[in-house]
Amino acid sequence: MGRSVFYLQDMVTSITQAQILIALVVAAHAGVLAVRLCFSLYKA
């Protein structure tokens, strides 16, 4: 029983890390789009 609990914790940790990575990628894309928008508005 104890080993399955550790395995479950490892799965939860890996899922959480994957979600954090996805969130960082999405935030980076949003930042790039915001900078491009500001630059376009500045040129216009």
C-alpha atoms as a PDB file:
ATOM      1  CA  MET A   1       0.000   0.000   0.000  1.00  0.00           C
ATOM      2  CA  GLY A   2       2.815   2.390   0.852  1.00  0.00           C
ATOM      3  CA  ARG A   3       4.454   2.059  -2.567  1.00  0.00           C
ATOM      4  CA  SER A   4       1.207   2.909  -4.387  1.00  0.00           C
ATOM      5  CA  VAL A   5       0.891   6.093  -2.335  1.00  0.00           C
ATOM      6  CA  PHE A   6       4.365   7.224  -3.380  1.00  0.00           C
ATOM      7  CA  TYR A   7       3.566   6.325  -7.006  1.00  0.00           C
ATOM      8  CA  LEU A   8       0.396   8.420  -6.806  1.00  0.00           C
ATOM      9  CA  GLN A   9       2.364  11.344  -5.359  1.00  0.00           C
ATOM     10  CA  ASP A  10       4.889  11.084  -8.197  1.00  0.00           C
ATOM     11  CA  MET A  11       2.058  11.168 -10.749  1.00  0.00           C
ATOM     12  CA  VAL A  12       0.462  14.204  -9.106  1.00  0.00           C
ATOM     13  CA  THR A  13       3.817  15.992  -8.948  1.00  0.00           C
ATOM     14  CA  SER A  14       4.560  15.315 -12.622  1.00  0.00           C
ATOM     15  CA  ILE A  15       1.087  16.482 -13.666  1.00  0.00           C
ATOM     16  CA  THR A  16       1.511  19.651 -11.638  1.00  0.00           C
ATOM     17  CA  GLN A  17       4.920  20.323 -13.194  1.00  0.00           C
ATOM     18  CA  ALA A  18       3.472  19.782 -16.670  1.00  0.00           C
ATOM     19  CA  GLN A  19       0.645  22.216 -15.930  1.00  0.00           C
ATOM     20  CA  ILE A  20       3.134  24.796 -14.659  1.00  0.00           C
ATOM     21  CA  LEU A  21       5.216  24.391 -17.823  1.00  0.00           C
ATOM     22  CA  ILE A  22       2.143  24.832 -20.028  1.00  0.00           C
ATOM     23  CA  ALA A  23       1.102  27.909 -18.042  1.00  0.00           C
ATOM     24  CA  LEU A  24       4.564  29.437 -18.488  1.00  0.00           C
ATOM     25  CA  VAL A  25       4.476  28.813 -22.242  1.00  0.00           C
ATOM     26  CA  VAL A  26       1.006  30.355 -22.513  1.00  0.00           C
ATOM     27  CA  ALA A  27       2.113  33.357 -20.452  1.00  0.00           C
ATOM     28  CA  ALA A  28       5.184  33.819 -22.654  1.00  0.00           C
ATOM     29  CA  HIS A  29       3.039  33.791 -25.790  1.00  0.00           C
ATOM     30  CA  ALA A  30       0.658  36.289 -24.223  1.00  0.00           C
ATOM     31  CA  GLY A  31       3.593  38.552 -23.371  1.00  0.00           C
ATOM     32  CA  VAL A  32       4.926  38.377 -26.926  1.00  0.00           C
ATOM     33  CA  LEU A  33       1.494  39.218 -28.332  1.00  0.00           C
ATOM     34  CA  ALA A  34       1.151  42.145 -25.911  1.00  0.00           C
ATOM     35  CA  VAL A  35       4.546  43.552 -26.950  1.00  0.00           C
ATOM     36  CA  ARG A  36       3.665  43.172 -30.643  1.00  0.00           C
ATOM     37  CA  LEU A  37       0.327  44.920 -30.045  1.00  0.00           C
ATOM     38  CA  CYS A  38       1.983  47.801 -28.207  1.00  0.00           C
ATOM     39  CA  PHE A  39       4.557  48.149 -30.977  1.00  0.00           C
ATOM     40  CA  SER A  40       1.833  48.178 -33.641  1.00  0.00           C
ATOM     41  CA  LEU A  41      -0.126  50.803 -31.756  1.00  0.00           C
ATOM     42  CA  TYR A  42       3.039  52.870 -31.271  1.00  0.00           C
ATOM     43  CA  LYS A  43       3.773  52.824 -35.017  1.00  0.00           C
ATOM     44  CA  ALA A  44       0.164  53.737 -35.919  1.00  0.00           C
END
